[in-house]
Amino acid sequence: SVNYEKIENLLKLQNNTFYREIISDILDNNEVISILVSMFNLVSGFNKEDIISLLYYFGYLTIDGRSSITNDIIFKIPNECMRLAYNSYFEKLLNEADIIRDNREEMASINEIMESGKIDRITNYVSKLLKNTSNRLFIHMNEGYIELLYKTVLRKANIFDTRIEYELYNGYADIYIEGNIDYQIVIEIKYLSKKDKSKYKEKLEEGIRQVNDYSLDERIDNSKVKKYVVVFIGDELKVLESVK
C-alpha cells in the first residue's frame, strides 16, 4: 500500500510553491489536466507539469483520456487505495493549517448518524470547518472539497462504510454511507459561490431530483434509506433538506 508520505515527497520536490494547487485540483475535481513531461531539468527546478508527470510515472495518477478543449492529458487517481493516501495527505494539510478540530463534536456527529441516520451535527460541524479553512488551505472550493471534509470526520467510524462519488442508478452519489447501521444514507452536496447565490433553489431542486434517482437503484432499500441535499453558498451552510 502507498502511504501519503510518498505522495508528499513528490509533491514537495525542490520546495516548489504550487503543490497545494496540484493537490487541490486532484482532490477537488478527481482529476488534473496537464501535458506529460518526458525530460526533467534538475537545474532550473520543477514546474507544475513536471510534478504531475512524476506522480503519473510513480503510479500515483493514471491517464484517463484527453481534454476535448486543450487536448492535454487527463490524469486521475487510479484506485481506492491511492485515493485513501491522497485523503490522508489532505487530513495532514488540515492539521498543518492549524484548523481547530473538535474531537468530541466529531464523535457526537458519528453517534447521531448511527442512532438516527441524521446528518445535522456533522453538517453543522463541516460548516464550521469551512469557515476556518476557506481560502487558507485549498485554492478553489467546490463540492469535492466539502465531500472530503465530511469524509475526514467519517473516517473515525469504522463501524460503517463511507464512499465518495459512489455509482448508483443514474449517477454518482456525493456521499454514500452503509454498513452496520440501520440506515443507508445518500447525501448530495451542492456548492455555489456567493456571486451565484440567487441560484440556490435551482441547485436544491436539482439535488432532490438526483437523490430520488439514486434511490431507484436496486441496492437501495427504500424502507431504510435516508436522503439528504446540502447546499453551501461560499463557506455558509444555506440549507440541509431531508428528502422523502
C-alpha atoms as a PDB file:
ATOM      1  CA  SER A   1       0.000   0.000   0.000  1.00  0.00           C
ATOM      2  CA  VAL A   2       1.048   3.602  -0.562  1.00  0.00           C
ATOM      3  CA  ASN A   3       1.269   5.968   2.366  1.00  0.00           C
ATOM      4  CA  TYR A   4       0.751   9.674   1.954  1.00  0.00           C
ATOM      5  CA  GLU A   5       4.394  10.488   2.754  1.00  0.00           C
ATOM      6  CA  LYS A   6       5.447   9.129  -0.660  1.00  0.00           C
ATOM      7  CA  ILE A   7       2.932  11.391  -2.389  1.00  0.00           C
ATOM      8  CA  GLU A   8       4.017  14.326  -0.243  1.00  0.00           C
ATOM      9  CA  ASN A   9       7.689  13.757  -1.110  1.00  0.00           C
ATOM     10  CA  LEU A  10       6.900  14.028  -4.807  1.00  0.00           C
ATOM     11  CA  LEU A  11       4.504  16.956  -4.467  1.00  0.00           C
ATOM     12  CA  LYS A  12       7.025  18.999  -2.485  1.00  0.00           C
ATOM     13  CA  LEU A  13      10.089  18.282  -4.637  1.00  0.00           C
ATOM     14  CA  GLN A  14      12.571  21.203  -4.715  1.00  0.00           C
ATOM     15  CA  ASN A  15      10.355  23.170  -2.324  1.00  0.00           C
ATOM     16  CA  ASN A  16       8.012  24.241  -5.113  1.00  0.00           C
ATOM     17  CA  THR A  17       5.220  26.684  -4.335  1.00  0.00           C
ATOM     18  CA  PHE A  18       2.398  25.047  -6.267  1.00  0.00           C
ATOM     19  CA  TYR A  19       1.970  21.689  -4.515  1.00  0.00           C
ATOM     20  CA  ARG A  20      -1.230  22.919  -2.835  1.00  0.00           C
ATOM     21  CA  GLU A  21      -2.654  23.856  -6.230  1.00  0.00           C
ATOM     22  CA  ILE A  22      -1.936  20.355  -7.575  1.00  0.00           C
ATOM     23  CA  ILE A  23      -3.492  18.532  -4.619  1.00  0.00           C
ATOM     24  CA  SER A  24      -6.431  20.947  -4.812  1.00  0.00           C
ATOM     25  CA  ASP A  25      -7.084  20.038  -8.443  1.00  0.00           C
ATOM     26  CA  ILE A  26      -6.677  16.314  -7.830  1.00  0.00           C
ATOM     27  CA  LEU A  27      -8.980  16.110  -4.817  1.00  0.00           C
ATOM     28  CA  ASP A  28     -11.496  18.817  -5.711  1.00  0.00           C
ATOM     29  CA  ASN A  29     -12.083  17.612  -9.260  1.00  0.00           C
ATOM     30  CA  ASN A  30     -10.968  13.952  -9.052  1.00  0.00           C
ATOM     31  CA  GLU A  31      -8.615  14.782 -11.905  1.00  0.00           C
ATOM     32  CA  VAL A  32      -5.905  17.146 -13.095  1.00  0.00           C
ATOM     33  CA  ILE A  33      -5.166  18.168 -16.685  1.00  0.00           C
ATOM     34  CA  SER A  34      -1.589  18.603 -17.872  1.00  0.00           C
ATOM     35  CA  ILE A  35       0.953  17.727 -20.529  1.00  0.00           C
ATOM     36  CA  LEU A  36       3.097  14.634 -19.940  1.00  0.00           C
ATOM     37  CA  VAL A  37       6.722  15.632 -19.445  1.00  0.00           C
ATOM     38  CA  SER A  38       9.372  13.134 -20.584  1.00  0.00           C
ATOM     39  CA  MET A  39      12.573  15.058 -19.703  1.00  0.00           C
ATOM     40  CA  PHE A  40      13.236  16.954 -16.468  1.00  0.00           C
ATOM     41  CA  ASN A  41      15.594  19.861 -15.830  1.00  0.00           C
ATOM     42  CA  LEU A  42      17.028  19.439 -12.349  1.00  0.00           C
ATOM     43  CA  VAL A  43      18.941  22.710 -12.578  1.00  0.00           C
ATOM     44  CA  SER A  44      16.120  25.139 -13.280  1.00  0.00           C
ATOM     45  CA  GLY A  45      13.720  23.404 -10.917  1.00  0.00           C
ATOM     46  CA  PHE A  46      10.437  21.576 -11.392  1.00  0.00           C
ATOM     47  CA  ASN A  47       7.270  23.221 -12.638  1.00  0.00           C
ATOM     48  CA  LYS A  48       3.675  22.112 -12.091  1.00  0.00           C
ATOM     49  CA  GLU A  49       3.636  19.838 -15.170  1.00  0.00           C
ATOM     50  CA  ASP A  50       6.843  18.116 -14.018  1.00  0.00           C
ATOM     51  CA  ILE A  51       5.323  17.215 -10.631  1.00  0.00           C
ATOM     52  CA  ILE A  52       2.096  15.895 -12.179  1.00  0.00           C
ATOM     53  CA  SER A  53       4.094  13.788 -14.629  1.00  0.00           C
ATOM     54  CA  LEU A  54       6.198  12.348 -11.809  1.00  0.00           C
ATOM     55  CA  LEU A  55       3.029  11.404  -9.911  1.00  0.00           C
ATOM     56  CA  TYR A  56       1.996   9.528 -13.046  1.00  0.00           C
ATOM     57  CA  TYR A  57       5.367   7.806 -13.574  1.00  0.00           C
ATOM     58  CA  PHE A  58       5.354   6.601  -9.961  1.00  0.00           C
ATOM     59  CA  GLY A  59       1.828   5.203 -10.369  1.00  0.00           C
ATOM     60  CA  TYR A  60       0.071   7.749  -8.155  1.00  0.00           C
ATOM     61  CA  LEU A  61      -2.012   9.022 -11.093  1.00  0.00           C
ATOM     62  CA  THR A  62      -3.276   7.269 -14.208  1.00  0.00           C
ATOM     63  CA  ILE A  63      -4.185   8.557 -17.679  1.00  0.00           C
ATOM     64  CA  ASP A  64      -7.903   8.891 -18.379  1.00  0.00           C
ATOM     65  CA  GLY A  65      -8.042  10.343 -21.888  1.00  0.00           C
ATOM     66  CA  ARG A  66      -7.504  13.825 -23.247  1.00  0.00           C
ATOM     67  CA  SER A  67      -9.220  17.138 -22.701  1.00  0.00           C
ATOM     68  CA  SER A  68     -11.637  17.991 -25.509  1.00  0.00           C
ATOM     69  CA  ILE A  69     -10.670  21.653 -25.074  1.00  0.00           C
ATOM     70  CA  THR A  70      -6.867  21.684 -24.855  1.00  0.00           C
ATOM     71  CA  ASN A  71      -6.047  18.105 -25.954  1.00  0.00           C
ATOM     72  CA  ASP A  72      -3.864  17.849 -22.842  1.00  0.00           C
ATOM     73  CA  ILE A  73      -3.916  14.626 -20.833  1.00  0.00           C
ATOM     74  CA  ILE A  74      -6.479  13.994 -18.091  1.00  0.00           C
ATOM     75  CA  PHE A  75      -4.855  12.350 -15.067  1.00  0.00           C
ATOM     76  CA  LYS A  76      -6.977  10.626 -12.417  1.00  0.00           C
ATOM     77  CA  ILE A  77      -6.458   8.841  -9.112  1.00  0.00           C
ATOM     78  CA  PRO A  78      -6.051   5.186 -10.194  1.00  0.00           C
ATOM     79  CA  ASN A  79      -7.783   3.275  -7.395  1.00  0.00           C
ATOM     80  CA  GLU A  80      -9.360   3.424  -3.939  1.00  0.00           C
ATOM     81  CA  CYS A  81      -6.096   2.618  -2.160  1.00  0.00           C
ATOM     82  CA  MET A  82      -4.464   5.633  -3.764  1.00  0.00           C
ATOM     83  CA  ARG A  83      -7.492   7.799  -3.016  1.00  0.00           C
ATOM     84  CA  LEU A  84      -7.112   6.937   0.668  1.00  0.00           C
ATOM     85  CA  ALA A  85      -3.467   8.008   0.509  1.00  0.00           C
ATOM     86  CA  TYR A  86      -4.423  11.361  -1.037  1.00  0.00           C
ATOM     87  CA  ASN A  87      -7.175  11.767   1.574  1.00  0.00           C
ATOM     88  CA  SER A  88      -4.651  11.080   4.350  1.00  0.00           C
ATOM     89  CA  TYR A  89      -2.414  13.775   2.935  1.00  0.00           C
ATOM     90  CA  PHE A  90      -5.390  16.135   2.835  1.00  0.00           C
ATOM     91  CA  GLU A  91      -6.011  15.429   6.522  1.00  0.00           C
ATOM     92  CA  LYS A  92      -2.349  16.238   7.230  1.00  0.00           C
ATOM     93  CA  LEU A  93      -2.767  19.565   5.418  1.00  0.00           C
ATOM     94  CA  LEU A  94      -5.808  20.275   7.594  1.00  0.00           C
ATOM     95  CA  ASN A  95      -3.709  19.710  10.700  1.00  0.00           C
ATOM     96  CA  GLU A  96      -0.846  21.811   9.358  1.00  0.00           C
ATOM     97  CA  ALA A  97      -3.242  24.669   8.661  1.00  0.00           C
ATOM     98  CA  ASP A  98      -3.901  24.852  12.416  1.00  0.00           C
ATOM     99  CA  ILE A  99      -7.569  24.065  11.934  1.00  0.00           C
ATOM    100  CA  ILE A 100      -9.057  23.510  15.346  1.00  0.00           C
ATOM    101  CA  ARG A 101     -10.907  20.217  15.230  1.00  0.00           C
ATOM    102  CA  ASP A 102     -13.322  19.209  17.945  1.00  0.00           C
ATOM    103  CA  ASN A 103     -12.950  15.502  18.654  1.00  0.00           C
ATOM    104  CA  ARG A 104     -15.997  15.456  20.943  1.00  0.00           C
ATOM    105  CA  GLU A 105     -18.195  17.051  18.279  1.00  0.00           C
ATOM    106  CA  GLU A 106     -16.886  14.673  15.626  1.00  0.00           C
ATOM    107  CA  MET A 107     -17.766  11.653  17.760  1.00  0.00           C
ATOM    108  CA  ALA A 108     -21.186  13.130  18.594  1.00  0.00           C
ATOM    109  CA  SER A 109     -21.793  13.583  14.853  1.00  0.00           C
ATOM    110  CA  ILE A 110     -20.938   9.958  14.198  1.00  0.00           C
ATOM    111  CA  ASN A 111     -23.192   8.811  17.059  1.00  0.00           C
ATOM    112  CA  GLU A 112     -26.102  10.810  15.631  1.00  0.00           C
ATOM    113  CA  ILE A 113     -25.658   9.049  12.273  1.00  0.00           C
ATOM    114  CA  MET A 114     -25.505   5.639  13.936  1.00  0.00           C
ATOM    115  CA  GLU A 115     -28.539   6.200  16.162  1.00  0.00           C
ATOM    116  CA  SER A 116     -30.921   8.104  13.910  1.00  0.00           C
ATOM    117  CA  GLY A 117     -29.413   8.367  10.424  1.00  0.00           C
ATOM    118  CA  LYS A 118     -29.451  12.154  10.766  1.00  0.00           C
ATOM    119  CA  ILE A 119     -26.605  14.356   9.491  1.00  0.00           C
ATOM    120  CA  ASP A 120     -27.449  17.652  11.224  1.00  0.00           C
ATOM    121  CA  ARG A 121     -24.462  17.640  13.576  1.00  0.00           C
ATOM    122  CA  ILE A 122     -21.866  16.600  11.046  1.00  0.00           C
ATOM    123  CA  THR A 123     -23.195  19.129   8.525  1.00  0.00           C
ATOM    124  CA  ASN A 124     -23.056  21.984  11.019  1.00  0.00           C
ATOM    125  CA  TYR A 125     -19.580  20.849  12.035  1.00  0.00           C
ATOM    126  CA  VAL A 126     -18.385  20.763   8.409  1.00  0.00           C
ATOM    127  CA  SER A 127     -19.805  24.265   8.008  1.00  0.00           C
ATOM    128  CA  LYS A 128     -17.626  25.434  10.925  1.00  0.00           C
ATOM    129  CA  LEU A 129     -14.557  23.784   9.385  1.00  0.00           C
ATOM    130  CA  LEU A 130     -15.289  25.507   6.082  1.00  0.00           C
ATOM    131  CA  LYS A 131     -15.275  28.900   7.752  1.00  0.00           C
ATOM    132  CA  ASN A 132     -11.870  28.119   9.223  1.00  0.00           C
ATOM    133  CA  THR A 133     -10.301  26.672   6.085  1.00  0.00           C
ATOM    134  CA  SER A 134     -11.824  28.910   3.430  1.00  0.00           C
ATOM    135  CA  ASN A 135      -9.107  30.500   1.282  1.00  0.00           C
ATOM    136  CA  ARG A 136      -6.397  29.130   3.573  1.00  0.00           C
ATOM    137  CA  LEU A 137      -5.983  25.524   2.540  1.00  0.00           C
ATOM    138  CA  PHE A 138      -7.299  24.927  -0.952  1.00  0.00           C
ATOM    139  CA  ILE A 139      -7.206  27.193  -3.975  1.00  0.00           C
ATOM    140  CA  HIS A 140     -10.746  26.506  -5.132  1.00  0.00           C
ATOM    141  CA  MET A 141     -13.689  25.438  -3.045  1.00  0.00           C
ATOM    142  CA  ASN A 142     -16.322  23.172  -4.542  1.00  0.00           C
ATOM    143  CA  GLU A 143     -18.375  20.070  -3.823  1.00  0.00           C
ATOM    144  CA  GLY A 144     -15.298  17.841  -3.882  1.00  0.00           C
ATOM    145  CA  TYR A 145     -13.589  19.812  -1.138  1.00  0.00           C
ATOM    146  CA  ILE A 146     -16.705  19.684   1.062  1.00  0.00           C
ATOM    147  CA  GLU A 147     -17.071  15.930   0.466  1.00  0.00           C
ATOM    148  CA  LEU A 148     -13.541  15.462   1.774  1.00  0.00           C
ATOM    149  CA  LEU A 149     -14.334  17.347   4.971  1.00  0.00           C
ATOM    150  CA  TYR A 150     -17.279  15.002   5.590  1.00  0.00           C
ATOM    151  CA  LYS A 151     -15.093  12.004   4.778  1.00  0.00           C
ATOM    152  CA  THR A 152     -12.346  13.214   7.138  1.00  0.00           C
ATOM    153  CA  VAL A 153     -14.803  13.143  10.050  1.00  0.00           C
ATOM    154  CA  LEU A 154     -16.494   9.916   8.974  1.00  0.00           C
ATOM    155  CA  ARG A 155     -13.165   8.093   8.757  1.00  0.00           C
ATOM    156  CA  LYS A 156     -13.257   7.896  12.562  1.00  0.00           C
ATOM    157  CA  ALA A 157     -16.182   5.485  12.332  1.00  0.00           C
ATOM    158  CA  ASN A 158     -15.007   2.017  11.402  1.00  0.00           C
ATOM    159  CA  ILE A 159     -18.467   0.633  12.008  1.00  0.00           C
ATOM    160  CA  PHE A 160     -19.848   1.835   8.694  1.00  0.00           C
ATOM    161  CA  ASP A 161     -18.574   2.227   5.157  1.00  0.00           C
ATOM    162  CA  THR A 162     -18.426   5.703   3.636  1.00  0.00           C
ATOM    163  CA  ARG A 163     -17.947   6.167  -0.090  1.00  0.00           C
ATOM    164  CA  ILE A 164     -17.439   9.325  -2.112  1.00  0.00           C
ATOM    165  CA  GLU A 165     -18.746   9.588  -5.695  1.00  0.00           C
ATOM    166  CA  TYR A 166     -20.442   6.200  -5.361  1.00  0.00           C
ATOM    167  CA  GLU A 167     -22.086   4.951  -8.538  1.00  0.00           C
ATOM    168  CA  LEU A 168     -25.818   4.401  -8.142  1.00  0.00           C
ATOM    169  CA  TYR A 169     -28.719   4.440 -10.570  1.00  0.00           C
ATOM    170  CA  ASN A 170     -28.462   7.359 -12.997  1.00  0.00           C
ATOM    171  CA  GLY A 171     -25.407   8.988 -11.428  1.00  0.00           C
ATOM    172  CA  TYR A 172     -22.856   9.180  -8.645  1.00  0.00           C
ATOM    173  CA  ALA A 173     -23.870   9.950  -5.074  1.00  0.00           C
ATOM    174  CA  ASP A 174     -21.530  12.508  -3.493  1.00  0.00           C
ATOM    175  CA  ILE A 175     -21.516  10.582  -0.206  1.00  0.00           C
ATOM    176  CA  TYR A 176     -22.982   7.139   0.453  1.00  0.00           C
ATOM    177  CA  ILE A 177     -22.980   5.508   3.910  1.00  0.00           C
ATOM    178  CA  GLU A 178     -23.909   1.914   4.715  1.00  0.00           C
ATOM    179  CA  GLY A 179     -22.719  -0.890   6.959  1.00  0.00           C
ATOM    180  CA  ASN A 180     -23.526  -1.952  10.497  1.00  0.00           C
ATOM    181  CA  ILE A 181     -26.236   0.663  10.981  1.00  0.00           C
ATOM    182  CA  ASP A 182     -29.987   0.602  10.440  1.00  0.00           C
ATOM    183  CA  TYR A 183     -29.846   3.020   7.527  1.00  0.00           C
ATOM    184  CA  GLN A 184     -28.477   3.625   4.079  1.00  0.00           C
ATOM    185  CA  ILE A 185     -27.621   7.297   3.718  1.00  0.00           C
ATOM    186  CA  VAL A 186     -27.303   9.208   0.449  1.00  0.00           C
ATOM    187  CA  ILE A 187     -26.014  12.776   0.539  1.00  0.00           C
ATOM    188  CA  GLU A 188     -25.900  15.142  -2.418  1.00  0.00           C
ATOM    189  CA  ILE A 189     -23.799  18.264  -1.905  1.00  0.00           C
ATOM    190  CA  LYS A 190     -24.266  21.454  -3.882  1.00  0.00           C
ATOM    191  CA  TYR A 191     -21.911  24.410  -3.816  1.00  0.00           C
ATOM    192  CA  LEU A 192     -22.469  27.939  -5.092  1.00  0.00           C
ATOM    193  CA  SER A 193     -20.089  30.859  -4.994  1.00  0.00           C
ATOM    194  CA  LYS A 194     -21.504  33.929  -3.293  1.00  0.00           C
ATOM    195  CA  LYS A 195     -21.978  35.689  -6.626  1.00  0.00           C
ATOM    196  CA  ASP A 196     -24.288  32.849  -7.735  1.00  0.00           C
ATOM    197  CA  LYS A 197     -26.292  32.701  -4.502  1.00  0.00           C
ATOM    198  CA  SER A 198     -29.583  33.517  -6.268  1.00  0.00           C
ATOM    199  CA  LYS A 199     -29.450  30.074  -7.918  1.00  0.00           C
ATOM    200  CA  TYR A 200     -29.651  28.106  -4.685  1.00  0.00           C
ATOM    201  CA  LYS A 201     -33.299  26.984  -5.131  1.00  0.00           C
ATOM    202  CA  GLU A 202     -32.424  25.672  -8.567  1.00  0.00           C
ATOM    203  CA  LYS A 203     -29.467  23.788  -7.078  1.00  0.00           C
ATOM    204  CA  LEU A 204     -31.627  22.387  -4.295  1.00  0.00           C
ATOM    205  CA  GLU A 205     -34.253  21.125  -6.763  1.00  0.00           C
ATOM    206  CA  GLU A 206     -31.506  19.546  -8.864  1.00  0.00           C
ATOM    207  CA  GLY A 207     -30.145  17.761  -5.790  1.00  0.00           C
ATOM    208  CA  ILE A 208     -33.598  16.463  -4.836  1.00  0.00           C
ATOM    209  CA  ARG A 209     -34.061  15.008  -8.320  1.00  0.00           C
ATOM    210  CA  GLN A 210     -30.663  13.348  -8.094  1.00  0.00           C
ATOM    211  CA  VAL A 211     -31.120  11.665  -4.709  1.00  0.00           C
ATOM    212  CA  ASN A 212     -34.560  10.436  -5.767  1.00  0.00           C
ATOM    213  CA  ASP A 213     -32.971   8.934  -8.880  1.00  0.00           C
ATOM    214  CA  TYR A 214     -30.253   7.265  -6.798  1.00  0.00           C
ATOM    215  CA  SER A 215     -32.874   5.649  -4.574  1.00  0.00           C
ATOM    216  CA  LEU A 216     -34.191   3.739  -7.618  1.00  0.00           C
ATOM    217  CA  ASP A 217     -31.001   1.676  -7.543  1.00  0.00           C
ATOM    218  CA  GLU A 218     -31.753  -1.996  -6.829  1.00  0.00           C
ATOM    219  CA  ARG A 219     -29.222  -1.971  -3.960  1.00  0.00           C
ATOM    220  CA  ILE A 220     -31.188   0.725  -2.126  1.00  0.00           C
ATOM    221  CA  ASP A 221     -33.809  -0.400   0.383  1.00  0.00           C
ATOM    222  CA  ASN A 222     -36.355   2.420   0.333  1.00  0.00           C
ATOM    223  CA  SER A 223     -37.668   1.406   3.745  1.00  0.00           C
ATOM    224  CA  LYS A 224     -34.319   2.290   5.344  1.00  0.00           C
ATOM    225  CA  VAL A 225     -32.698   4.861   3.060  1.00  0.00           C
ATOM    226  CA  LYS A 226     -32.293   8.449   4.214  1.00  0.00           C
ATOM    227  CA  LYS A 227     -31.725  11.045   1.501  1.00  0.00           C
ATOM    228  CA  TYR A 228     -30.257  14.489   2.051  1.00  0.00           C
ATOM    229  CA  VAL A 229     -29.389  17.506  -0.060  1.00  0.00           C
ATOM    230  CA  VAL A 230     -26.972  20.038   1.399  1.00  0.00           C
ATOM    231  CA  VAL A 231     -26.412  23.420  -0.251  1.00  0.00           C
ATOM    232  CA  PHE A 232     -23.474  25.659   0.656  1.00  0.00           C
ATOM    233  CA  ILE A 233     -23.045  29.213  -0.538  1.00  0.00           C
ATOM    234  CA  GLY A 234     -19.389  30.050  -0.148  1.00  0.00           C
ATOM    235  CA  ASP A 235     -18.485  28.830   3.317  1.00  0.00           C
ATOM    236  CA  GLU A 236     -22.060  29.246   4.598  1.00  0.00           C
ATOM    237  CA  LEU A 237     -24.489  26.365   5.029  1.00  0.00           C
ATOM    238  CA  LYS A 238     -27.620  27.530   3.214  1.00  0.00           C
ATOM    239  CA  VAL A 239     -29.950  24.546   3.518  1.00  0.00           C
ATOM    240  CA  LEU A 240     -29.956  20.945   4.708  1.00  0.00           C
ATOM    241  CA  GLU A 241     -33.025  19.156   3.380  1.00  0.00           C
ATOM    242  CA  SER A 242     -34.191  15.637   4.208  1.00  0.00           C
ATOM    243  CA  VAL A 243     -35.844  14.271   1.070  1.00  0.00           C
ATOM    244  CA  LYS A 244     -38.861  11.992   1.399  1.00  0.00           C
END
